[in-house]
Amino acid sequence: MRTRSQSRNNFPQQEASPAIIEPLRIELPFQEDQFQEDPPEDPPEVSMADNRTMAEFLQATTESYEDAIVIPEIAANNFDLKHGLINLVQNKKFFGQDKEDPHAHIRYFNKITSTMRFFPPLKMTNLRNEITRFQQRFEELFYEEWDRFNELLRACPHHEFSELHQLDTFYNALNVNEHDSLN
């Protein structure tokens, strides 16, 4: 049995080629003034240390800040408030007392407001225009057209069209064959 040191001698030793032994030399061009130091400048002025305590550092500054709550001006002078909504808000008033939980009040307020939807005027105008420009599609059956018209009405709950206007719009959108079948 052979040992490790004896087994190393089984392979013939080869001399390394001179290209491997010599280090690789790369010469980079540089400018002579590249490594010169700049003339010394005046030392920077050090201001006095801030001698405030940690408690003073942690206090929020109120200088140059305006009120956090800004009440916007209401441009419209005619709007509707639902009686049920007013009751919901009045039943759960927040007075800021120690026994009241402000987080619970905000959660309740978010729960109430999440049930409401705001329709921007542009969106309402676009939906109202879709209702008034309603037309029957080619090869569309009567019940499909009726369902599509009702979906448009549901998409804009505050369309303010009377039932007569809705029926007139739908009837005028029908093709001649559907007119005859209804008459």
C-alpha atoms as a PDB file:
ATOM      1  CA  MET A   1       0.000   0.000   0.000  1.00  0.00           C
ATOM      2  CA  ARG A   2       1.274   3.425  -0.880  1.00  0.00           C
ATOM      3  CA  THR A   3       1.007   6.650   1.048  1.00  0.00           C
ATOM      4  CA  ARG A   4       0.029   9.959  -0.411  1.00  0.00           C
ATOM      5  CA  SER A   5       3.544  11.295  -0.483  1.00  0.00           C
ATOM      6  CA  GLN A   6       4.713   8.260  -2.439  1.00  0.00           C
ATOM      7  CA  SER A   7       1.910   8.525  -4.985  1.00  0.00           C
ATOM      8  CA  ARG A   8       2.896  12.096  -5.867  1.00  0.00           C
ATOM      9  CA  ASN A   9       6.136  10.883  -7.258  1.00  0.00           C
ATOM     10  CA  ASN A  10       4.391   8.715  -9.860  1.00  0.00           C
ATOM     11  CA  PHE A  11       3.705  11.703 -12.121  1.00  0.00           C
ATOM     12  CA  PRO A  12       6.638  13.207 -13.973  1.00  0.00           C
ATOM     13  CA  GLN A  13       7.412  16.811 -13.044  1.00  0.00           C
ATOM     14  CA  GLN A  14       7.116  19.322 -15.889  1.00  0.00           C
ATOM     15  CA  GLU A  15       8.814  22.657 -15.925  1.00  0.00           C
ATOM     16  CA  ALA A  16       6.495  25.652 -16.164  1.00  0.00           C
ATOM     17  CA  SER A  17       6.802  27.670 -19.306  1.00  0.00           C
ATOM     18  CA  PRO A  18       8.451  31.094 -18.901  1.00  0.00           C
ATOM     19  CA  ALA A  19       5.287  32.882 -20.118  1.00  0.00           C
ATOM     20  CA  ILE A  20       3.391  31.678 -17.067  1.00  0.00           C
ATOM     21  CA  ILE A  21       6.050  32.662 -14.538  1.00  0.00           C
ATOM     22  CA  GLU A  22       6.710  36.205 -15.737  1.00  0.00           C
ATOM     23  CA  PRO A  23       4.227  38.776 -14.413  1.00  0.00           C
ATOM     24  CA  LEU A  24       2.043  40.620 -16.855  1.00  0.00           C
ATOM     25  CA  ARG A  25       3.047  44.271 -17.173  1.00  0.00           C
ATOM     26  CA  ILE A  26       0.605  46.856 -18.459  1.00  0.00           C
ATOM     27  CA  GLU A  27       1.664  50.447 -18.851  1.00  0.00           C
ATOM     28  CA  LEU A  28      -1.047  53.079 -18.677  1.00  0.00           C
ATOM     29  CA  PRO A  29      -0.443  56.603 -19.966  1.00  0.00           C
ATOM     30  CA  PHE A  30      -1.036  59.356 -17.400  1.00  0.00           C
ATOM     31  CA  GLN A  31      -0.517  63.053 -17.180  1.00  0.00           C
ATOM     32  CA  GLU A  32       2.252  64.344 -14.981  1.00  0.00           C
ATOM     33  CA  ASP A  33       0.062  66.761 -13.088  1.00  0.00           C
ATOM     34  CA  GLN A  34      -2.570  64.087 -12.418  1.00  0.00           C
ATOM     35  CA  PHE A  35      -1.147  63.057  -9.049  1.00  0.00           C
ATOM     36  CA  GLN A  36      -0.098  66.455  -7.750  1.00  0.00           C
ATOM     37  CA  GLU A  37      -1.829  67.702  -4.642  1.00  0.00           C
ATOM     38  CA  ASP A  38      -3.918  70.852  -4.661  1.00  0.00           C
ATOM     39  CA  PRO A  39      -2.602  73.749  -2.618  1.00  0.00           C
ATOM     40  CA  PRO A  40      -3.949  73.673   0.937  1.00  0.00           C
ATOM     41  CA  GLU A  41      -7.115  75.678   1.517  1.00  0.00           C
ATOM     42  CA  ASP A  42      -8.319  77.442   4.628  1.00  0.00           C
ATOM     43  CA  PRO A  43      -9.742  74.962   7.123  1.00  0.00           C
ATOM     44  CA  PRO A  44     -13.573  74.907   7.205  1.00  0.00           C
ATOM     45  CA  GLU A  45     -15.248  76.821   9.980  1.00  0.00           C
ATOM     46  CA  VAL A  46     -16.799  74.611  12.616  1.00  0.00           C
ATOM     47  CA  SER A  47     -19.936  75.949  14.229  1.00  0.00           C
ATOM     48  CA  MET A  48     -20.791  75.487  17.875  1.00  0.00           C
ATOM     49  CA  ALA A  49     -22.374  72.218  18.859  1.00  0.00           C
ATOM     50  CA  ASP A  50     -26.130  72.227  19.361  1.00  0.00           C
ATOM     51  CA  ASN A  51     -26.607  72.058  23.115  1.00  0.00           C
ATOM     52  CA  ARG A  52     -30.228  70.903  23.081  1.00  0.00           C
ATOM     53  CA  THR A  53     -31.335  67.894  25.103  1.00  0.00           C
ATOM     54  CA  MET A  54     -32.767  64.759  23.483  1.00  0.00           C
ATOM     55  CA  ALA A  55     -36.257  65.743  24.616  1.00  0.00           C
ATOM     56  CA  GLU A  56     -35.882  69.064  22.822  1.00  0.00           C
ATOM     57  CA  PHE A  57     -34.650  67.309  19.671  1.00  0.00           C
ATOM     58  CA  LEU A  58     -37.675  64.998  19.681  1.00  0.00           C
ATOM     59  CA  GLN A  59     -40.207  67.823  19.932  1.00  0.00           C
ATOM     60  CA  ALA A  60     -41.770  68.677  16.603  1.00  0.00           C
ATOM     61  CA  THR A  61     -41.245  72.230  15.487  1.00  0.00           C
ATOM     62  CA  THR A  62     -44.370  74.180  14.672  1.00  0.00           C
ATOM     63  CA  GLU A  63     -42.693  77.155  13.100  1.00  0.00           C
ATOM     64  CA  SER A  64     -43.776  78.029   9.565  1.00  0.00           C
ATOM     65  CA  TYR A  65     -46.422  75.302   9.518  1.00  0.00           C
ATOM     66  CA  GLU A  66     -50.056  76.098   8.894  1.00  0.00           C
ATOM     67  CA  ASP A  67     -53.015  74.233  10.321  1.00  0.00           C
ATOM     68  CA  ALA A  68     -53.092  70.566   9.351  1.00  0.00           C
ATOM     69  CA  ILE A  69     -56.847  70.583   8.806  1.00  0.00           C
ATOM     70  CA  VAL A  70     -57.921  72.975   6.088  1.00  0.00           C
ATOM     71  CA  ILE A  71     -61.643  73.320   5.501  1.00  0.00           C
ATOM     72  CA  PRO A  72     -62.235  73.773   1.761  1.00  0.00           C
ATOM     73  CA  GLU A  73     -64.735  76.291   0.503  1.00  0.00           C
ATOM     74  CA  ILE A  74     -67.864  74.750  -0.966  1.00  0.00           C
ATOM     75  CA  ALA A  75     -68.473  76.244  -4.393  1.00  0.00           C
ATOM     76  CA  ALA A  76     -71.912  74.696  -4.865  1.00  0.00           C
ATOM     77  CA  ASN A  77     -74.766  76.224  -2.953  1.00  0.00           C
ATOM     78  CA  ASN A  78     -77.326  73.544  -3.770  1.00  0.00           C
ATOM     79  CA  PHE A  79     -76.745  69.941  -2.784  1.00  0.00           C
ATOM     80  CA  ASP A  80     -78.698  67.134  -1.158  1.00  0.00           C
ATOM     81  CA  LEU A  81     -77.819  65.399   2.075  1.00  0.00           C
ATOM     82  CA  LYS A  82     -79.622  62.173   2.836  1.00  0.00           C
ATOM     83  CA  HIS A  83     -81.426  62.129   6.178  1.00  0.00           C
ATOM     84  CA  GLY A  84     -80.156  58.614   6.955  1.00  0.00           C
ATOM     85  CA  LEU A  85     -76.558  59.690   6.413  1.00  0.00           C
ATOM     86  CA  ILE A  86     -76.927  62.606   8.803  1.00  0.00           C
ATOM     87  CA  ASN A  87     -78.381  60.266  11.447  1.00  0.00           C
ATOM     88  CA  LEU A  88     -75.486  57.827  11.044  1.00  0.00           C
ATOM     89  CA  VAL A  89     -72.923  60.554  11.581  1.00  0.00           C
ATOM     90  CA  GLN A  90     -74.791  62.143  14.499  1.00  0.00           C
ATOM     91  CA  ASN A  91     -75.173  58.826  16.343  1.00  0.00           C
ATOM     92  CA  LYS A  92     -71.421  58.261  16.559  1.00  0.00           C
ATOM     93  CA  LYS A  93     -69.939  61.661  17.360  1.00  0.00           C
ATOM     94  CA  PHE A  94     -66.330  61.948  18.479  1.00  0.00           C
ATOM     95  CA  PHE A  95     -65.667  64.375  21.317  1.00  0.00           C
ATOM     96  CA  GLY A  96     -61.971  63.641  21.934  1.00  0.00           C
ATOM     97  CA  GLN A  97     -62.422  62.482  25.507  1.00  0.00           C
ATOM     98  CA  ASP A  98     -59.992  60.077  27.187  1.00  0.00           C
ATOM     99  CA  LYS A  99     -62.455  57.174  27.215  1.00  0.00           C
ATOM    100  CA  GLU A 100     -63.076  57.418  23.457  1.00  0.00           C
ATOM    101  CA  ASP A 101     -60.959  55.471  20.996  1.00  0.00           C
ATOM    102  CA  PRO A 102     -60.055  57.688  18.001  1.00  0.00           C
ATOM    103  CA  HIS A 103     -59.005  54.672  15.922  1.00  0.00           C
ATOM    104  CA  ALA A 104     -62.388  53.001  16.415  1.00  0.00           C
ATOM    105  CA  HIS A 105     -64.100  56.236  15.394  1.00  0.00           C
ATOM    106  CA  ILE A 106     -62.047  56.453  12.191  1.00  0.00           C
ATOM    107  CA  ARG A 107     -62.737  52.781  11.405  1.00  0.00           C
ATOM    108  CA  TYR A 108     -66.480  53.434  11.819  1.00  0.00           C
ATOM    109  CA  PHE A 109     -66.268  56.567   9.668  1.00  0.00           C
ATOM    110  CA  ASN A 110     -64.405  54.652   6.934  1.00  0.00           C
ATOM    111  CA  LYS A 111     -67.033  51.907   7.106  1.00  0.00           C
ATOM    112  CA  ILE A 112     -69.805  54.456   6.520  1.00  0.00           C
ATOM    113  CA  THR A 113     -68.021  56.313   3.737  1.00  0.00           C
ATOM    114  CA  SER A 114     -67.019  53.111   1.924  1.00  0.00           C
ATOM    115  CA  THR A 115     -70.694  52.491   1.157  1.00  0.00           C
ATOM    116  CA  MET A 116     -70.947  55.773  -0.766  1.00  0.00           C
ATOM    117  CA  ARG A 117     -69.829  56.427  -4.306  1.00  0.00           C
ATOM    118  CA  PHE A 118     -68.784  59.743  -5.764  1.00  0.00           C
ATOM    119  CA  PHE A 119     -69.622  60.357  -9.380  1.00  0.00           C
ATOM    120  CA  PRO A 120     -67.501  63.108 -10.889  1.00  0.00           C
ATOM    121  CA  PRO A 121     -69.504  65.356 -13.215  1.00  0.00           C
ATOM    122  CA  LEU A 122     -67.552  64.216 -16.284  1.00  0.00           C
ATOM    123  CA  LYS A 123     -68.266  60.542 -15.590  1.00  0.00           C
ATOM    124  CA  MET A 124     -71.965  61.245 -15.057  1.00  0.00           C
ATOM    125  CA  THR A 125     -72.122  63.251 -18.284  1.00  0.00           C
ATOM    126  CA  ASN A 126     -70.467  60.441 -20.251  1.00  0.00           C
ATOM    127  CA  LEU A 127     -72.856  57.828 -18.833  1.00  0.00           C
ATOM    128  CA  ARG A 128     -75.889  60.044 -19.521  1.00  0.00           C
ATOM    129  CA  ASN A 129     -74.674  60.494 -23.113  1.00  0.00           C
ATOM    130  CA  GLU A 130     -74.348  56.725 -23.516  1.00  0.00           C
ATOM    131  CA  ILE A 131     -77.949  56.310 -22.361  1.00  0.00           C
ATOM    132  CA  THR A 132     -79.312  58.977 -24.712  1.00  0.00           C
ATOM    133  CA  ARG A 133     -77.288  57.660 -27.696  1.00  0.00           C
ATOM    134  CA  PHE A 134     -78.326  54.051 -27.080  1.00  0.00           C
ATOM    135  CA  GLN A 135     -78.786  52.001 -30.296  1.00  0.00           C
ATOM    136  CA  GLN A 136     -79.657  48.388 -30.975  1.00  0.00           C
ATOM    137  CA  ARG A 137     -76.692  46.388 -32.220  1.00  0.00           C
ATOM    138  CA  PHE A 138     -76.787  44.295 -35.383  1.00  0.00           C
ATOM    139  CA  GLU A 139     -78.205  40.787 -34.760  1.00  0.00           C
ATOM    140  CA  GLU A 140     -78.974  41.687 -31.127  1.00  0.00           C
ATOM    141  CA  LEU A 141     -82.082  40.097 -29.682  1.00  0.00           C
ATOM    142  CA  PHE A 142     -84.741  42.113 -27.899  1.00  0.00           C
ATOM    143  CA  TYR A 143     -84.030  40.753 -24.403  1.00  0.00           C
ATOM    144  CA  GLU A 144     -80.255  41.276 -24.869  1.00  0.00           C
ATOM    145  CA  GLU A 145     -80.869  44.879 -25.832  1.00  0.00           C
ATOM    146  CA  TRP A 146     -83.208  45.372 -22.855  1.00  0.00           C
ATOM    147  CA  ASP A 147     -80.569  43.934 -20.475  1.00  0.00           C
ATOM    148  CA  ARG A 148     -77.846  46.131 -21.941  1.00  0.00           C
ATOM    149  CA  PHE A 149     -80.040  49.232 -21.613  1.00  0.00           C
ATOM    150  CA  ASN A 150     -80.807  48.398 -17.963  1.00  0.00           C
ATOM    151  CA  GLU A 151     -77.079  47.908 -17.265  1.00  0.00           C
ATOM    152  CA  LEU A 152     -76.448  51.423 -18.583  1.00  0.00           C
ATOM    153  CA  LEU A 153     -79.168  52.779 -16.294  1.00  0.00           C
ATOM    154  CA  ARG A 154     -77.680  50.923 -13.299  1.00  0.00           C
ATOM    155  CA  ALA A 155     -74.189  52.229 -14.091  1.00  0.00           C
ATOM    156  CA  CYS A 156     -75.448  55.795 -13.664  1.00  0.00           C
ATOM    157  CA  PRO A 157     -77.860  55.738 -10.710  1.00  0.00           C
ATOM    158  CA  HIS A 158     -78.359  59.525 -10.754  1.00  0.00           C
ATOM    159  CA  HIS A 159     -79.249  59.823 -14.441  1.00  0.00           C
ATOM    160  CA  GLU A 160     -82.455  61.747 -13.543  1.00  0.00           C
ATOM    161  CA  PHE A 161     -84.349  60.454 -16.595  1.00  0.00           C
ATOM    162  CA  SER A 162     -88.071  59.929 -16.068  1.00  0.00           C
ATOM    163  CA  GLU A 163     -89.534  56.508 -16.856  1.00  0.00           C
ATOM    164  CA  LEU A 164     -91.241  57.980 -19.904  1.00  0.00           C
ATOM    165  CA  HIS A 165     -87.917  59.329 -21.199  1.00  0.00           C
ATOM    166  CA  GLN A 166     -86.234  55.953 -20.566  1.00  0.00           C
ATOM    167  CA  LEU A 167     -88.955  54.058 -22.464  1.00  0.00           C
ATOM    168  CA  ASP A 168     -88.861  56.581 -25.303  1.00  0.00           C
ATOM    169  CA  THR A 169     -85.070  56.264 -25.604  1.00  0.00           C
ATOM    170  CA  PHE A 170     -85.268  52.468 -25.629  1.00  0.00           C
ATOM    171  CA  TYR A 171     -88.156  52.379 -28.113  1.00  0.00           C
ATOM    172  CA  ASN A 172     -86.413  54.751 -30.527  1.00  0.00           C
ATOM    173  CA  ALA A 173     -83.278  52.573 -30.417  1.00  0.00           C
ATOM    174  CA  LEU A 174     -85.176  49.501 -31.662  1.00  0.00           C
ATOM    175  CA  ASN A 175     -85.079  48.461 -35.297  1.00  0.00           C
ATOM    176  CA  VAL A 176     -88.225  48.353 -37.447  1.00  0.00           C
ATOM    177  CA  ASN A 177     -88.957  44.661 -36.821  1.00  0.00           C
ATOM    178  CA  GLU A 178     -88.881  45.161 -33.059  1.00  0.00           C
ATOM    179  CA  HIS A 179     -91.144  48.231 -33.413  1.00  0.00           C
ATOM    180  CA  ASP A 180     -93.727  46.112 -35.213  1.00  0.00           C
ATOM    181  CA  SER A 181     -93.596  43.322 -32.642  1.00  0.00           C
ATOM    182  CA  LEU A 182     -94.159  45.789 -29.768  1.00  0.00           C
ATOM    183  CA  ASN A 183     -97.033  47.558 -31.522  1.00  0.00           C
END
